[in-house]
Amino acid sequence: MKKINFRVLICILIVNTSIISFFLVSKGYSTVNEIDSEIGESPVIDGYIDLSSNEWNKATREDILLGDLPIILRVLQNDENLYISVQFDLLVEYHSLSEFVGLIISNSSSDVKEEFIDAKIIQFSNISKNEFSFFDYYIDNGNFLNDTKLDGDGEAKLEKVTSTYEFSIPIKASTADEQDAALDFGNTYAFNITYGETSIYQTGVKKSTIILINVKSSTTSKPPFTDLTVLIICIVIFSILGVLYCSYIYKIFRLKGNIKRIKR
C-alpha cells in the first residue's frame, strides 16, 4: 500500500514539474520563429510606450533574444499599418552614440537573402540627446539605397536604461512599388531585426535575428483557437492533479488516524 501511494505521489510531482517547466520555457527568452499580429488601436509612434493609457495593450508581446541581448517585441496592426516596437534595457555606457535598430523586411515568408528588399531603420546621431532619423531603404544586391518615397514611420527614445524603438509600416500590397515589401492581409513575412552601432548597415550590424510575422486577414479580433484549447487543457489537467493530490493527502491523514486507533 505504501509503495503504491509513494509511486502515485512521484507521478504527480513529475507531471507537475513537466507542465511548469513547459510554461517557464514558453514564457522565457527564446528565438521566436513565428508571431501572430494582433488587431488594436493605433499606438502613438513617439518612442515611448504609455502603459497608463493602455497603449500597445492589445499587441502580441514576445520576450526574445537579439543575439545575446534580451528584447521585448510587440506586434500590432489595424486596417492600414503594421506596428512593431523593440524595447530593451542597456546601461548608458554600453550605448554607441550612433546606434540603430532596423527592420529588414522580406517580400514573403522566405528568409532567403534575395527576398529581403525593404529596410526601415531608426538611426541615432547622438543617443544621449535623443537625436535620431528614420530611414527607408530598398535593398539591391545587398546595397542599401534611399527609397525615392519615404514609406512608414519610426521614432526612438532612450530613458534611463530603457531604449524604445517604434515602427509603423503600411499594409498595402495593391499599391506597393518595387522598392517596398508588399505587405498584405492574411500573409506571412520574414523580418530581420537588427541592432548596430554605426550607419554602415552591412558591417555595422552587431546583433540580429529573423522572425516570421503573420499579418491577420480580418479586422475582427478573435481569441486564437489554439491558445484557448491549450488553456482549457491546462485547466483540466491542473484540476485533475489537484483532486488527486488532495485525495492522496486525505488518505494519508486517514491512515495516520487508523494507525493511532490500532496502537490504542
Protein backbone atom coordinates (compact mmCIF):
# COMPACT_ATOMS: atom_id res chain seq x y z
CA MET A 1 0.00 0.00 0.00
CA LYS A 2 2.74 2.44 0.96
CA LYS A 3 4.69 1.63 -2.21
CA ILE A 4 1.64 2.31 -4.39
CA ASN A 5 0.94 5.63 -2.62
CA PHE A 6 4.59 6.63 -2.97
CA ARG A 7 4.52 5.87 -6.71
CA VAL A 8 1.34 7.92 -7.15
CA LEU A 9 2.98 10.87 -5.38
CA ILE A 10 6.09 10.59 -7.57
CA CYS A 11 3.93 10.53 -10.73
CA ILE A 12 2.05 13.65 -9.60
CA LEU A 13 5.30 15.50 -8.91
CA ILE A 14 6.75 14.51 -12.29
CA VAL A 15 3.64 15.67 -14.18
CA ASN A 16 3.55 18.95 -12.24
CA THR A 17 7.24 19.59 -12.87
CA SER A 18 6.85 18.86 -16.58
CA ILE A 19 3.91 21.23 -17.00
CA ILE A 20 5.54 24.03 -15.00
CA SER A 21 8.75 23.61 -16.99
CA PHE A 22 6.77 23.83 -20.22
CA PHE A 23 5.27 27.17 -19.19
CA LEU A 24 8.59 28.55 -17.98
CA VAL A 25 10.22 27.67 -21.28
CA SER A 26 7.36 29.01 -23.37
CA LYS A 27 7.34 32.32 -21.48
CA GLY A 28 11.08 32.67 -21.16
CA TYR A 29 13.54 34.15 -23.62
CA SER A 30 13.76 32.16 -26.80
CA THR A 31 14.20 32.53 -30.50
CA VAL A 32 10.69 33.07 -31.82
CA ASN A 33 10.05 31.55 -35.21
CA GLU A 34 6.54 32.84 -35.81
CA ILE A 35 4.42 35.61 -34.29
CA ASP A 36 0.74 36.36 -34.86
CA SER A 37 -0.02 40.05 -35.15
CA GLU A 38 -2.98 41.29 -33.12
CA ILE A 39 -5.56 43.91 -34.05
CA GLY A 40 -5.90 47.04 -31.93
CA GLU A 41 -5.93 50.82 -31.85
CA SER A 42 -3.03 52.67 -33.43
CA PRO A 43 -0.25 53.44 -30.93
CA VAL A 44 1.41 56.85 -30.92
CA ILE A 45 4.75 56.47 -32.68
CA ASP A 46 6.91 58.59 -30.39
CA GLY A 47 9.46 56.20 -28.90
CA TYR A 48 7.51 55.93 -25.66
CA ILE A 49 5.07 53.22 -24.57
CA ASP A 50 2.42 54.80 -22.36
CA LEU A 51 1.18 51.94 -20.19
CA SER A 52 -1.20 54.23 -18.29
CA SER A 53 -3.26 54.75 -21.46
CA ASN A 54 -3.10 51.05 -22.39
CA GLU A 55 -1.00 51.85 -25.44
CA TRP A 56 0.14 48.63 -27.16
CA ASN A 57 -2.01 46.70 -24.63
CA LYS A 58 -3.59 44.54 -27.37
CA ALA A 59 -0.30 43.84 -29.11
CA THR A 60 1.31 40.43 -29.24
CA ARG A 61 4.28 40.58 -26.89
CA GLU A 62 7.26 38.25 -27.07
CA ASP A 63 10.43 38.25 -24.94
CA ILE A 64 13.18 37.13 -27.29
CA LEU A 65 16.92 37.26 -27.67
CA LEU A 66 18.52 39.53 -30.24
CA GLY A 67 21.84 37.75 -30.31
CA ASP A 68 22.63 37.82 -26.59
CA LEU A 69 20.50 40.92 -25.91
CA PRO A 70 17.06 40.29 -24.32
CA ILE A 71 14.40 42.43 -26.02
CA ILE A 72 10.65 42.92 -25.73
CA LEU A 73 8.98 42.71 -29.13
CA ARG A 74 5.41 43.96 -29.65
CA VAL A 75 3.39 43.50 -32.86
CA LEU A 76 0.06 45.19 -33.61
CA GLN A 77 -1.98 46.06 -36.70
CA ASN A 78 -5.07 47.87 -37.94
CA ASP A 79 -6.65 48.43 -41.35
CA GLU A 80 -3.71 50.47 -42.61
CA ASN A 81 -0.47 49.68 -40.78
CA LEU A 82 1.62 47.06 -39.07
CA TYR A 83 3.17 48.40 -35.85
CA ILE A 84 6.31 46.94 -34.30
CA SER A 85 8.14 48.05 -31.18
CA VAL A 86 11.54 46.87 -29.96
CA GLN A 87 12.43 47.62 -26.35
CA PHE A 88 15.45 46.67 -24.26
CA ASP A 89 17.43 47.73 -21.21
CA LEU A 90 21.10 48.62 -21.58
CA LEU A 91 23.28 50.78 -19.35
CA VAL A 92 24.06 54.16 -20.90
CA GLU A 93 27.79 53.48 -21.00
CA TYR A 94 27.19 50.48 -23.27
CA HIS A 95 25.34 52.51 -25.91
CA SER A 96 27.01 53.79 -29.04
CA LEU A 97 26.13 57.42 -29.84
CA SER A 98 25.16 56.30 -33.33
CA GLU A 99 23.40 53.02 -32.56
CA PHE A 100 20.43 51.90 -34.62
CA VAL A 101 17.66 49.32 -34.78
CA GLY A 102 16.35 48.26 -38.15
CA LEU A 103 13.66 46.04 -39.63
CA ILE A 104 14.82 44.40 -42.82
CA ILE A 105 11.71 43.04 -44.49
CA SER A 106 11.30 40.12 -46.85
CA ASN A 107 8.76 40.23 -49.64
CA SER A 108 7.48 36.83 -48.48
CA SER A 109 7.85 34.34 -45.65
CA SER A 110 11.16 33.21 -47.14
CA ASP A 111 14.36 34.08 -45.29
CA VAL A 112 16.43 33.79 -48.47
CA LYS A 113 18.74 36.80 -48.70
CA GLU A 114 17.37 37.92 -52.07
CA GLU A 115 13.83 38.19 -50.65
CA PHE A 116 14.82 40.92 -48.18
CA ILE A 117 14.18 44.04 -50.24
CA ASP A 118 12.99 46.68 -47.77
CA ALA A 119 14.60 48.25 -44.69
CA LYS A 120 13.15 50.61 -42.09
CA ILE A 121 15.91 51.95 -39.84
CA ILE A 122 15.92 54.28 -36.85
CA GLN A 123 19.44 55.71 -36.67
CA PHE A 124 20.71 57.79 -33.77
CA SER A 125 23.18 60.59 -34.44
CA ASN A 126 23.52 61.32 -30.71
CA ILE A 127 21.67 58.90 -28.47
CA SER A 128 22.49 60.81 -25.27
CA LYS A 129 20.46 63.74 -26.66
CA ASN A 130 17.82 61.52 -28.31
CA GLU A 131 18.74 62.83 -31.77
CA PHE A 132 17.81 60.36 -34.49
CA SER A 133 16.48 59.96 -38.03
CA PHE A 134 14.12 57.47 -39.66
CA PHE A 135 15.32 55.99 -42.95
CA ASP A 136 13.53 53.98 -45.61
CA TYR A 137 15.79 51.94 -47.88
CA TYR A 138 15.31 49.42 -50.63
CA ILE A 139 17.95 46.74 -50.94
CA ASP A 140 19.57 45.92 -54.27
CA ASN A 141 22.25 43.21 -54.33
CA GLY A 142 22.98 43.83 -50.66
CA ASN A 143 23.26 47.61 -51.09
CA PHE A 144 21.03 49.91 -49.01
CA LEU A 145 19.66 52.62 -51.32
CA ASN A 146 17.43 55.54 -50.36
CA ASP A 147 13.81 54.92 -51.27
CA THR A 148 12.51 57.63 -53.61
CA LYS A 149 9.42 57.89 -51.39
CA LEU A 150 9.55 57.69 -47.58
CA ASP A 151 7.27 54.84 -46.62
CA GLY A 152 6.35 54.29 -42.97
CA ASP A 153 7.46 55.99 -39.79
CA GLY A 154 9.68 55.37 -36.82
CA GLU A 155 10.81 57.07 -33.62
CA ALA A 156 13.01 56.10 -30.69
CA LYS A 157 13.93 57.28 -27.24
CA LEU A 158 16.41 56.41 -24.51
CA GLU A 159 15.04 56.89 -20.99
CA LYS A 160 17.44 55.94 -18.21
CA VAL A 161 18.42 52.39 -19.22
CA THR A 162 15.41 51.63 -21.45
CA SER A 163 15.60 52.06 -25.22
CA THR A 164 12.34 52.01 -27.18
CA TYR A 165 12.14 51.85 -30.98
CA GLU A 166 8.68 52.12 -32.59
CA PHE A 167 7.89 51.45 -36.25
CA SER A 168 4.82 51.95 -38.42
CA ILE A 169 4.78 50.04 -41.74
CA PRO A 170 1.94 50.37 -44.28
CA ILE A 171 -0.02 47.28 -45.28
CA LYS A 172 -0.72 47.93 -48.94
CA ALA A 173 0.10 45.10 -51.30
CA SER A 174 -2.08 46.52 -54.08
CA THR A 175 -0.26 49.87 -54.16
CA ALA A 176 3.26 48.86 -53.10
CA ASP A 177 6.05 49.62 -55.55
CA GLU A 178 9.17 47.58 -56.23
CA GLN A 179 11.12 49.49 -53.57
CA ASP A 180 8.88 48.31 -50.72
CA ALA A 181 7.87 44.93 -49.35
CA ALA A 182 4.30 44.25 -50.43
CA LEU A 183 2.73 43.56 -47.04
CA ASP A 184 -0.81 42.24 -47.37
CA PHE A 185 -3.50 40.95 -45.04
CA GLY A 186 -3.54 37.22 -44.38
CA ASN A 187 0.09 36.65 -45.37
CA THR A 188 3.30 35.85 -43.51
CA TYR A 189 6.53 37.84 -43.85
CA ALA A 190 10.08 37.35 -42.64
CA PHE A 191 11.61 40.21 -40.64
CA ASN A 192 15.29 40.50 -39.81
CA ILE A 193 15.54 42.58 -36.63
CA THR A 194 18.98 44.19 -36.49
CA TYR A 195 20.91 46.17 -33.91
CA GLY A 196 24.14 48.02 -34.68
CA GLU A 197 26.46 50.81 -33.69
CA THR A 198 27.28 52.64 -36.94
CA SER A 199 25.43 53.74 -40.04
CA ILE A 200 27.28 51.20 -42.21
CA TYR A 201 24.47 48.70 -42.28
CA GLN A 202 26.33 45.71 -43.61
CA THR A 203 29.32 45.80 -41.28
CA GLY A 204 27.72 47.88 -38.53
CA VAL A 205 25.22 45.18 -37.56
CA LYS A 206 26.20 43.63 -34.21
CA LYS A 207 23.14 41.54 -33.41
CA SER A 208 20.25 40.21 -35.47
CA THR A 209 17.53 37.59 -35.56
CA ILE A 210 14.92 36.56 -38.12
CA ILE A 211 11.27 36.11 -37.17
CA LEU A 212 8.07 35.45 -39.10
CA ILE A 213 5.07 37.73 -38.60
CA ASN A 214 1.58 36.60 -39.58
CA VAL A 215 -0.49 39.59 -40.69
CA LYS A 216 -4.13 38.95 -39.83
CA SER A 217 -6.68 38.91 -42.63
CA SER A 218 -9.57 40.25 -40.57
CA THR A 219 -10.11 43.38 -38.52
CA THR A 220 -12.26 41.41 -36.08
CA SER A 221 -10.19 40.32 -33.12
CA LYS A 222 -10.91 36.76 -32.02
CA PRO A 223 -9.08 34.68 -29.44
CA PRO A 224 -6.82 32.16 -31.19
CA PHE A 225 -8.38 28.69 -31.09
CA THR A 226 -5.04 27.11 -30.26
CA ASP A 227 -4.46 29.36 -27.24
CA LEU A 228 -7.99 28.71 -25.95
CA THR A 229 -7.57 24.96 -26.39
CA VAL A 230 -4.26 24.94 -24.53
CA LEU A 231 -5.79 27.00 -21.72
CA ILE A 232 -8.74 24.59 -21.34
CA ILE A 233 -6.44 21.54 -21.39
CA CYS A 234 -4.21 23.10 -18.74
CA ILE A 235 -7.20 23.91 -16.50
CA VAL A 236 -8.47 20.34 -16.82
CA ILE A 237 -5.05 18.81 -16.13
CA PHE A 238 -4.35 21.01 -13.11
CA SER A 239 -7.86 20.34 -11.75
CA ILE A 240 -7.34 16.57 -12.03
CA LEU A 241 -3.90 16.85 -10.42
CA GLY A 242 -5.36 18.97 -7.63
CA VAL A 243 -8.08 16.39 -6.93
CA LEU A 244 -5.56 13.53 -6.95
CA TYR A 245 -3.22 15.44 -4.65
CA CYS A 246 -5.98 16.31 -2.17
CA SER A 247 -7.21 12.72 -2.27
CA TYR A 248 -3.73 11.45 -1.55
CA ILE A 249 -3.30 13.84 1.42
CA TYR A 250 -6.71 12.81 2.73
CA LYS A 251 -5.76 9.12 2.57
CA ILE A 252 -2.54 9.84 4.46
CA PHE A 253 -4.44 11.53 7.29
CA ARG A 254 -6.94 8.66 7.40
CA LEU A 255 -4.10 6.15 7.51
CA LYS A 256 -2.48 8.03 10.38
CA GLY A 257 -5.80 8.06 12.25
CA ASN A 258 -6.24 4.32 11.76
CA ILE A 259 -2.69 3.67 12.98
CA LYS A 260 -3.33 5.71 16.14
CA ARG A 261 -6.55 3.78 16.85
CA ILE A 262 -4.77 0.44 16.38
CA LYS A 263 -2.00 1.47 18.80
CA ARG A 264 -4.59 2.34 21.43
